[in-house]
């Protein structure tokens, strides 16, 4: 649920991503919301930028697509983990303290200061594996 101070475009984009439930590219968002008043790519990118900044939306880099945040604890976590099903396109978002600690230790041994980490794992979800068997 978005705070009340969101712009109309931010609300349109977030609601669309939340309803879709799957990663969506910016131009597909534009096409879907054209009748709702979004007419230019810049409108979509500005809304996405604000939504990403607030933590309400994540960019899935490997797909160049966006998803609504589905994990209430991700804003307070140093790491977000996205499991991407290659069959049904469902994205599962999670956080894991042990993984965050391991990555922090790895960065420390390399003298690197990480701010925020995102891991993308592609594969097959449990539902799709069950259907295949």
Protein backbone atom coordinates (compact mmCIF):
# COMPACT_ATOMS: atom_id res chain seq x y z
CA UNK A 1 0.00 0.00 0.00
CA UNK A 2 1.43 3.33 -1.05
CA UNK A 3 1.51 6.44 1.13
CA UNK A 4 -1.07 9.09 0.34
CA UNK A 5 1.48 11.58 -1.02
CA UNK A 6 2.11 9.61 -4.23
CA UNK A 7 1.49 11.26 -7.58
CA UNK A 8 -1.25 9.98 -9.84
CA UNK A 9 1.33 8.40 -12.16
CA UNK A 10 3.14 6.69 -9.29
CA UNK A 11 -0.14 5.25 -8.04
CA UNK A 12 -1.10 4.06 -11.54
CA UNK A 13 2.26 2.38 -12.08
CA UNK A 14 2.38 0.78 -8.63
CA UNK A 15 -1.20 -0.49 -8.82
CA UNK A 16 -0.53 -1.97 -12.26
CA UNK A 17 2.63 -3.74 -11.09
CA UNK A 18 0.91 -5.02 -7.97
CA UNK A 19 -2.07 -6.35 -9.96
CA UNK A 20 0.14 -7.92 -12.61
CA UNK A 21 2.32 -9.68 -10.05
CA UNK A 22 5.04 -10.41 -12.59
CA UNK A 23 8.00 -8.43 -13.93
CA UNK A 24 6.95 -5.81 -16.47
CA UNK A 25 9.13 -3.70 -18.76
CA UNK A 26 8.70 0.09 -18.76
CA UNK A 27 7.31 0.27 -22.29
CA UNK A 28 4.79 -2.46 -21.49
CA UNK A 29 3.67 -0.37 -18.50
CA UNK A 30 3.31 2.61 -20.81
CA UNK A 31 1.23 0.60 -23.29
CA UNK A 32 -1.01 -0.76 -20.55
CA UNK A 33 -1.62 2.61 -18.92
CA UNK A 34 -1.89 4.81 -22.00
CA UNK A 35 -5.67 5.08 -21.64
CA UNK A 36 -5.19 6.14 -18.00
CA UNK A 37 -3.19 9.21 -19.02
CA UNK A 38 0.39 7.97 -19.28
CA UNK A 39 1.46 9.08 -22.73
CA UNK A 40 5.25 9.38 -22.63
CA UNK A 41 8.08 7.08 -21.53
CA UNK A 42 9.44 9.84 -19.29
CA UNK A 43 6.23 9.75 -17.23
CA UNK A 44 6.71 6.02 -16.58
CA UNK A 45 10.43 6.32 -15.85
CA UNK A 46 9.88 9.20 -13.41
CA UNK A 47 7.18 7.24 -11.57
CA UNK A 48 9.36 4.12 -11.49
CA UNK A 49 12.33 6.14 -10.22
CA UNK A 50 10.32 7.50 -7.29
CA UNK A 51 8.83 4.08 -6.53
CA UNK A 52 12.27 2.43 -6.57
CA UNK A 53 13.68 5.20 -4.37
CA UNK A 54 10.91 4.62 -1.81
CA UNK A 55 11.40 0.84 -1.93
CA UNK A 56 7.90 0.15 -3.25
CA UNK A 57 9.19 -1.23 -6.55
CA UNK A 58 12.29 -3.21 -7.50
CA UNK A 59 14.09 -3.41 -10.82
CA UNK A 60 14.95 -6.93 -11.91
CA UNK A 61 18.16 -6.13 -13.74
CA UNK A 62 18.48 -9.38 -15.68
CA UNK A 63 15.03 -8.84 -17.21
CA UNK A 64 15.17 -5.05 -17.41
CA UNK A 65 11.75 -5.17 -15.78
CA UNK A 66 10.03 -3.98 -12.62
CA UNK A 67 8.00 -5.63 -9.84
CA UNK A 68 6.03 -4.29 -6.90
CA UNK A 69 7.71 -5.01 -3.57
CA UNK A 70 6.13 -8.05 -1.93
CA UNK A 71 8.28 -8.31 1.17
CA UNK A 72 7.57 -5.97 4.07
CA UNK A 73 11.02 -6.47 5.63
CA UNK A 74 13.09 -5.72 2.54
CA UNK A 75 13.45 -2.01 3.36
CA UNK A 76 15.25 -2.85 6.58
CA UNK A 77 17.39 -5.60 5.05
CA UNK A 78 20.79 -5.19 3.47
CA UNK A 79 19.96 -7.77 0.82
CA UNK A 80 17.01 -8.67 -1.35
CA UNK A 81 16.86 -12.04 -3.05
CA UNK A 82 14.67 -12.58 -6.10
CA UNK A 83 13.90 -16.07 -7.36
CA UNK A 84 12.70 -15.87 -10.96
CA UNK A 85 10.78 -18.80 -12.44
CA UNK A 86 11.71 -19.24 -16.09
CA UNK A 87 8.46 -21.08 -16.83
CA UNK A 88 5.68 -18.99 -15.27
CA UNK A 89 7.55 -15.67 -14.77
CA UNK A 90 6.59 -15.52 -11.08
CA UNK A 91 9.08 -13.64 -8.93
CA UNK A 92 9.50 -14.59 -5.29
CA UNK A 93 11.14 -11.95 -3.12
CA UNK A 94 12.81 -12.76 0.18
CA UNK A 95 15.45 -11.56 2.60
CA UNK A 96 17.89 -13.74 4.47
CA UNK A 97 20.05 -12.60 7.38
CA UNK A 98 22.60 -15.42 6.94
CA UNK A 99 23.13 -14.52 3.28
CA UNK A 100 23.49 -10.85 4.19
CA UNK A 101 26.11 -11.73 6.80
CA UNK A 102 28.02 -13.93 4.34
CA UNK A 103 28.09 -11.20 1.71
CA UNK A 104 29.15 -8.60 4.28
CA UNK A 105 32.03 -10.87 5.34
CA UNK A 106 33.02 -11.43 1.70
CA UNK A 107 33.03 -7.69 1.03
CA UNK A 108 35.07 -7.07 4.17
CA UNK A 109 37.76 -9.58 3.16
CA UNK A 110 38.02 -7.83 -0.22
CA UNK A 111 38.11 -4.34 1.28
CA UNK A 112 34.84 -3.45 -0.43
CA UNK A 113 32.06 -1.43 1.16
CA UNK A 114 28.70 -2.63 -0.15
CA UNK A 115 25.58 -0.54 0.35
CA UNK A 116 22.71 -2.64 -0.88
CA UNK A 117 22.80 -6.04 -2.53
CA UNK A 118 20.32 -7.72 -4.79
CA UNK A 119 20.62 -11.33 -5.85
CA UNK A 120 18.67 -12.75 -8.77
CA UNK A 121 18.31 -16.51 -9.03
CA UNK A 122 16.70 -18.02 -12.12
CA UNK A 123 15.22 -21.49 -12.20
CA UNK A 124 11.91 -23.29 -11.76
CA UNK A 125 9.44 -22.67 -8.95
CA UNK A 126 7.88 -25.43 -6.89
CA UNK A 127 4.51 -25.17 -8.69
CA UNK A 128 6.05 -25.51 -12.13
CA UNK A 129 8.23 -28.41 -11.00
CA UNK A 130 5.13 -30.17 -9.63
CA UNK A 131 3.30 -29.75 -12.96
CA UNK A 132 6.32 -31.10 -14.86
CA UNK A 133 6.47 -34.27 -12.73
